[in-house]
C-alpha atoms as a PDB file:
ATOM      1  CA  MET A   1       2.946 -10.946 -37.240  1.00  0.00           C
ATOM      2  CA  ASP A   2       2.058 -13.585 -39.961  1.00  0.00           C
ATOM      3  CA  ILE A   3       5.003 -15.395 -41.188  1.00  0.00           C
ATOM      4  CA  SER A   4       5.061 -18.804 -43.143  1.00  0.00           C
ATOM      5  CA  ILE A   5       8.276 -20.180 -44.693  1.00  0.00           C
ATOM      6  CA  SER A   6       8.503 -23.242 -45.774  1.00  0.00           C
ATOM      7  CA  ILE A   7      11.374 -25.899 -46.083  1.00  0.00           C
ATOM      8  CA  ASN A   8      12.388 -28.777 -48.386  1.00  0.00           C
ATOM      9  CA  SER A   9      14.675 -31.270 -47.269  1.00  0.00           C
ATOM     10  CA  GLY A  10      15.747 -32.979 -50.421  1.00  0.00           C
ATOM     11  CA  PHE A  11      14.273 -36.040 -50.030  1.00  0.00           C
ATOM     12  CA  GLN A  12      10.469 -35.214 -50.748  1.00  0.00           C
ATOM     13  CA  ASP A  13       9.595 -33.851 -47.557  1.00  0.00           C
ATOM     14  CA  GLU A  14       8.164 -30.454 -46.792  1.00  0.00           C
ATOM     15  CA  PHE A  15       7.728 -28.599 -43.727  1.00  0.00           C
ATOM     16  CA  ARG A  16       6.207 -25.474 -43.058  1.00  0.00           C
ATOM     17  CA  ILE A  17       7.180 -22.709 -40.430  1.00  0.00           C
ATOM     18  CA  ILE A  18       4.323 -20.314 -39.152  1.00  0.00           C
ATOM     19  CA  LEU A  19       4.466 -17.750 -36.723  1.00  0.00           C
ATOM     20  CA  SER A  20       1.014 -15.800 -36.026  1.00  0.00           C
ATOM     21  CA  PRO A  21      -0.012 -13.621 -33.381  1.00  0.00           C
ATOM     22  CA  PHE A  22      -1.154 -15.360 -30.280  1.00  0.00           C
ATOM     23  CA  GLU A  23      -5.296 -14.429 -29.088  1.00  0.00           C
ATOM     24  CA  ASN A  24      -4.395 -12.615 -26.371  1.00  0.00           C
ATOM     25  CA  SER A  25      -7.776 -12.252 -26.092  1.00  0.00           C
ATOM     26  CA  ILE A  26      -8.066 -15.733 -24.132  1.00  0.00           C
ATOM     27  CA  ILE A  27      -5.357 -13.530 -21.482  1.00  0.00           C
ATOM     28  CA  PRO A  28      -7.003 -11.769 -19.003  1.00  0.00           C
ATOM     29  CA  ASP A  29      -6.898  -7.750 -18.798  1.00  0.00           C
ATOM     30  CA  GLU A  30      -4.185  -7.572 -16.168  1.00  0.00           C
ATOM     31  CA  ILE A  31      -1.797  -9.388 -18.555  1.00  0.00           C
ATOM     32  CA  ARG A  32      -2.532  -7.849 -21.577  1.00  0.00           C
ATOM     33  CA  SER A  33      -2.319  -4.392 -19.383  1.00  0.00           C
ATOM     34  CA  LEU A  34       0.879  -5.798 -18.445  1.00  0.00           C
ATOM     35  CA  LEU A  35       2.365  -6.849 -21.772  1.00  0.00           C
ATOM     36  CA  GLY A  36       1.245  -3.187 -22.455  1.00  0.00           C
ATOM     37  CA  GLU A  37       1.733  -2.665 -27.011  1.00  0.00           C
ATOM     38  CA  SER A  38       4.860  -3.120 -27.161  1.00  0.00           C
ATOM     39  CA  ILE A  39       5.493  -6.869 -26.222  1.00  0.00           C
ATOM     40  CA  GLU A  40       4.045  -9.328 -28.896  1.00  0.00           C
ATOM     41  CA  ILE A  41       3.042 -12.804 -28.370  1.00  0.00           C
ATOM     42  CA  ALA A  42       3.910 -15.115 -31.327  1.00  0.00           C
ATOM     43  CA  ASP A  43       2.705 -18.831 -31.622  1.00  0.00           C
ATOM     44  CA  ILE A  44       5.096 -21.246 -33.407  1.00  0.00           C
ATOM     45  CA  THR A  45       3.704 -23.374 -35.974  1.00  0.00           C
ATOM     46  CA  LEU A  46       5.774 -26.213 -37.357  1.00  0.00           C
ATOM     47  CA  GLU A  47       4.135 -28.754 -39.760  1.00  0.00           C
ATOM     48  CA  ARG A  48       4.930 -31.166 -42.088  1.00  0.00           C
ATOM     49  CA  VAL A  49       3.482 -30.370 -45.462  1.00  0.00           C
ATOM     50  CA  LYS A  50       4.419 -33.626 -47.452  1.00  0.00           C
ATOM     51  CA  GLY A  51       6.692 -36.301 -47.205  1.00  0.00           C
ATOM     52  CA  ASP A  52       7.155 -39.215 -44.324  1.00  0.00           C
ATOM     53  CA  ASN A  53      10.685 -39.297 -43.802  1.00  0.00           C
ATOM     54  CA  PRO A  54      12.511 -38.933 -40.477  1.00  0.00           C
ATOM     55  CA  THR A  55      13.467 -35.789 -40.290  1.00  0.00           C
ATOM     56  CA  ASN A  56      16.926 -35.351 -40.285  1.00  0.00           C
ATOM     57  CA  ILE A  57      19.183 -32.764 -38.332  1.00  0.00           C
ATOM     58  CA  ASN A  58      19.810 -30.611 -40.930  1.00  0.00           C
ATOM     59  CA  ILE A  59      16.003 -29.438 -41.426  1.00  0.00           C
ATOM     60  CA  LEU A  60      15.771 -29.249 -37.244  1.00  0.00           C
ATOM     61  CA  LEU A  61      18.954 -26.926 -37.279  1.00  0.00           C
ATOM     62  CA  LYS A  62      17.574 -24.812 -40.083  1.00  0.00           C
ATOM     63  CA  ILE A  63      14.151 -24.617 -38.584  1.00  0.00           C
ATOM     64  CA  SER A  64      15.895 -23.525 -35.235  1.00  0.00           C
ATOM     65  CA  SER A  65      18.366 -20.968 -37.546  1.00  0.00           C
ATOM     66  CA  ILE A  66      15.201 -19.759 -39.134  1.00  0.00           C
ATOM     67  CA  ILE A  67      12.864 -19.261 -35.679  1.00  0.00           C
ATOM     68  CA  ALA A  68      15.691 -17.528 -34.043  1.00  0.00           C
ATOM     69  CA  GLU A  69      16.734 -14.861 -36.515  1.00  0.00           C
ATOM     70  CA  ILE A  70      12.673 -14.130 -36.767  1.00  0.00           C
ATOM     71  CA  PHE A  71      13.193 -13.659 -32.889  1.00  0.00           C
ATOM     72  CA  GLU A  72      16.365 -11.903 -33.273  1.00  0.00           C
ATOM     73  CA  ASP A  73      14.956  -9.352 -35.581  1.00  0.00           C
ATOM     74  CA  ASN A  74      11.833  -8.843 -33.493  1.00  0.00           C
ATOM     75  CA  PRO A  75      13.226  -7.633 -29.538  1.00  0.00           C
ATOM     76  CA  ASN A  76      10.002  -7.107 -27.837  1.00  0.00           C
ATOM     77  CA  LEU A  77       8.983 -11.298 -29.303  1.00  0.00           C
ATOM     78  CA  ILE A  78       7.536 -13.834 -27.373  1.00  0.00           C
ATOM     79  CA  LEU A  79       7.794 -16.793 -28.758  1.00  0.00           C
ATOM     80  CA  TYR A  80       4.533 -19.438 -27.830  1.00  0.00           C
ATOM     81  CA  PHE A  81       4.911 -23.399 -29.386  1.00  0.00           C
ATOM     82  CA  TYR A  82       2.306 -25.727 -28.045  1.00  0.00           C
ATOM     83  CA  CYS A  83       3.268 -29.289 -28.811  1.00  0.00           C
ATOM     84  CA  ASP A  84       0.684 -30.883 -31.133  1.00  0.00           C
ATOM     85  CA  ASP A  85      -1.580 -33.773 -29.634  1.00  0.00           C
ATOM     86  CA  MET A  86      -3.429 -34.320 -32.767  1.00  0.00           C
ATOM     87  CA  HIS A  87      -0.705 -35.847 -35.092  1.00  0.00           C
ATOM     88  CA  ASP A  88       1.418 -38.899 -34.206  1.00  0.00           C
ATOM     89  CA  ILE A  89       5.118 -38.639 -34.807  1.00  0.00           C
ATOM     90  CA  LEU A  90       7.730 -40.973 -35.674  1.00  0.00           C
ATOM     91  CA  ARG A  91       9.234 -42.084 -32.571  1.00  0.00           C
ATOM     92  CA  ARG A  92      11.938 -44.696 -31.296  1.00  0.00           C
ATOM     93  CA  ASP A  93      10.642 -44.921 -27.918  1.00  0.00           C
ATOM     94  CA  LYS A  94       6.858 -45.972 -28.218  1.00  0.00           C
ATOM     95  CA  LYS A  95       6.336 -45.461 -24.092  1.00  0.00           C
ATOM     96  CA  ILE A  96       6.551 -41.431 -24.894  1.00  0.00           C
ATOM     97  CA  THR A  97       3.430 -39.890 -26.258  1.00  0.00           C
ATOM     98  CA  PRO A  98       4.142 -37.533 -29.036  1.00  0.00           C
ATOM     99  CA  GLN A  99       3.372 -34.321 -27.168  1.00  0.00           C
ATOM    100  CA  LYS A 100       6.039 -35.598 -24.913  1.00  0.00           C
ATOM    101  CA  PHE A 101       8.409 -36.523 -27.893  1.00  0.00           C
ATOM    102  CA  ARG A 102       7.716 -32.845 -29.226  1.00  0.00           C
ATOM    103  CA  SER A 103       8.485 -30.923 -26.378  1.00  0.00           C
ATOM    104  CA  LYS A 104      11.955 -32.812 -25.368  1.00  0.00           C
ATOM    105  CA  LEU A 105      12.752 -32.175 -29.358  1.00  0.00           C
ATOM    106  CA  PHE A 106      11.968 -28.714 -29.195  1.00  0.00           C
ATOM    107  CA  SER A 107      13.923 -28.226 -25.953  1.00  0.00           C
ATOM    108  CA  ARG A 108      17.152 -30.207 -27.568  1.00  0.00           C
ATOM    109  CA  MET A 109      16.715 -27.767 -30.587  1.00  0.00           C
ATOM    110  CA  PHE A 110      16.619 -24.937 -28.603  1.00  0.00           C
ATOM    111  CA  ASP A 111      19.595 -26.088 -26.348  1.00  0.00           C
ATOM    112  CA  LYS A 112      21.609 -26.883 -28.996  1.00  0.00           C
ATOM    113  CA  TYR A 113      21.230 -23.640 -31.057  1.00  0.00           C
ATOM    114  CA  ILE A 114      21.985 -21.046 -27.900  1.00  0.00           C
ATOM    115  CA  THR A 115      24.858 -23.614 -26.790  1.00  0.00           C
ATOM    116  CA  SER A 116      26.371 -23.383 -30.543  1.00  0.00           C
ATOM    117  CA  ASN A 117      25.639 -19.776 -30.727  1.00  0.00           C
ATOM    118  CA  LYS A 118      26.844 -18.981 -27.622  1.00  0.00           C
ATOM    119  CA  ILE A 119      23.695 -17.021 -26.343  1.00  0.00           C
ATOM    120  CA  LYS A 120      23.422 -16.662 -22.705  1.00  0.00           C
ATOM    121  CA  ASN A 121      20.182 -14.165 -22.507  1.00  0.00           C
ATOM    122  CA  ILE A 122      17.438 -16.779 -23.927  1.00  0.00           C
ATOM    123  CA  ILE A 123      15.205 -18.253 -21.846  1.00  0.00           C
ATOM    124  CA  ASN A 124      12.930 -21.428 -22.751  1.00  0.00           C
ATOM    125  CA  THR A 125      10.258 -22.032 -20.382  1.00  0.00           C
ATOM    126  CA  SER A 126       8.814 -25.310 -20.503  1.00  0.00           C
ATOM    127  CA  ILE A 127       5.334 -25.761 -19.020  1.00  0.00           C
ATOM    128  CA  GLU A 128       3.642 -28.732 -18.384  1.00  0.00           C
ATOM    129  CA  ILE A 129       0.389 -29.238 -17.512  1.00  0.00           C
ATOM    130  CA  LYS A 130      -1.801 -32.331 -16.116  1.00  0.00           C
ATOM    131  CA  ALA A 131      -5.217 -32.633 -17.696  1.00  0.00           C
ATOM    132  CA  ASP A 132      -7.150 -35.340 -19.492  1.00  0.00           C
ATOM    133  CA  ARG A 133      -4.099 -35.596 -20.924  1.00  0.00           C
ATOM    134  CA  THR A 134      -0.715 -34.525 -20.577  1.00  0.00           C
ATOM    135  CA  ILE A 135       0.218 -30.574 -22.438  1.00  0.00           C
ATOM    136  CA  TYR A 136       3.245 -28.904 -23.482  1.00  0.00           C
ATOM    137  CA  ILE A 137       3.769 -25.495 -24.102  1.00  0.00           C
ATOM    138  CA  HIS A 138       6.808 -23.473 -24.504  1.00  0.00           C
ATOM    139  CA  LEU A 139       7.722 -19.827 -24.016  1.00  0.00           C
ATOM    140  CA  ILE A 140      11.198 -18.596 -25.342  1.00  0.00           C
ATOM    141  CA  ALA A 141      11.857 -14.939 -24.451  1.00  0.00           C
ATOM    142  CA  ARG A 142      14.852 -12.603 -23.797  1.00  0.00           C
ATOM    143  CA  ASP A 143      15.760 -12.626 -20.051  1.00  0.00           C
ATOM    144  CA  THR A 144      14.699  -9.355 -19.667  1.00  0.00           C
ATOM    145  CA  HIS A 145      11.295 -10.350 -20.386  1.00  0.00           C
ATOM    146  CA  LEU A 146      10.899 -12.669 -17.791  1.00  0.00           C
ATOM    147  CA  PRO A 147       8.537 -10.954 -15.599  1.00  0.00           C
ATOM    148  CA  TYR A 148       5.989 -11.258 -18.787  1.00  0.00           C
ATOM    149  CA  VAL A 149       6.651 -14.631 -19.100  1.00  0.00           C
ATOM    150  CA  THR A 150       6.298 -15.869 -15.504  1.00  0.00           C
ATOM    151  CA  ALA A 151       2.940 -13.924 -15.407  1.00  0.00           C
ATOM    152  CA  ILE A 152       1.717 -15.787 -18.765  1.00  0.00           C
ATOM    153  CA  LYS A 153       3.161 -19.348 -17.265  1.00  0.00           C
ATOM    154  CA  ASP A 154       0.702 -18.582 -13.959  1.00  0.00           C
ATOM    155  CA  VAL A 155      -2.553 -17.568 -15.908  1.00  0.00           C
ATOM    156  CA  ILE A 156      -1.538 -20.784 -18.185  1.00  0.00           C
ATOM    157  CA  VAL A 157      -1.718 -23.100 -14.975  1.00  0.00           C
ATOM    158  CA  GLU A 158      -3.798 -21.567 -13.036  1.00  0.00           C
ATOM    159  CA  MET A 159      -6.673 -21.320 -16.300  1.00  0.00           C
ATOM    160  CA  SER A 160      -6.288 -25.136 -16.345  1.00  0.00           C
ATOM    161  CA  SER A 161      -6.743 -26.179 -13.324  1.00  0.00           C
ATOM    162  CA  LYS A 162     -10.481 -24.765 -14.085  1.00  0.00           C
END
């Protein structure tokens, strides 16, 4: 799955949502075997292509809707979102890291979308890893895929402890 969608804010800002195949080679063989051929993991990248205005709620809701539509169209999809630590992000509370801010924002967007659309069977699994810096990852999946998510999470946590 390779998808790239651009969104213009109307205020000279442009954002891009990219869904690309997750690099399965970093997952141990037993997990790849568990996933089989039917379960696909897509890596979500959200990037600002141009502009530096604060991102308004309408853009965030549009991003959520686009991701949800792709997810809905792919019943065996698990979404993987790594909270970027390479670029700073405008935030009021400078005590919170950009990664943690992105993680909280992602969870709020997810919760708002799920609640407003009365969706019950989709789960956001958040992973926080303490390393040389704190890393935040989210796995979005249907509740029927929870055993796969748990296995992936366990591998990520185990790999981070080495």
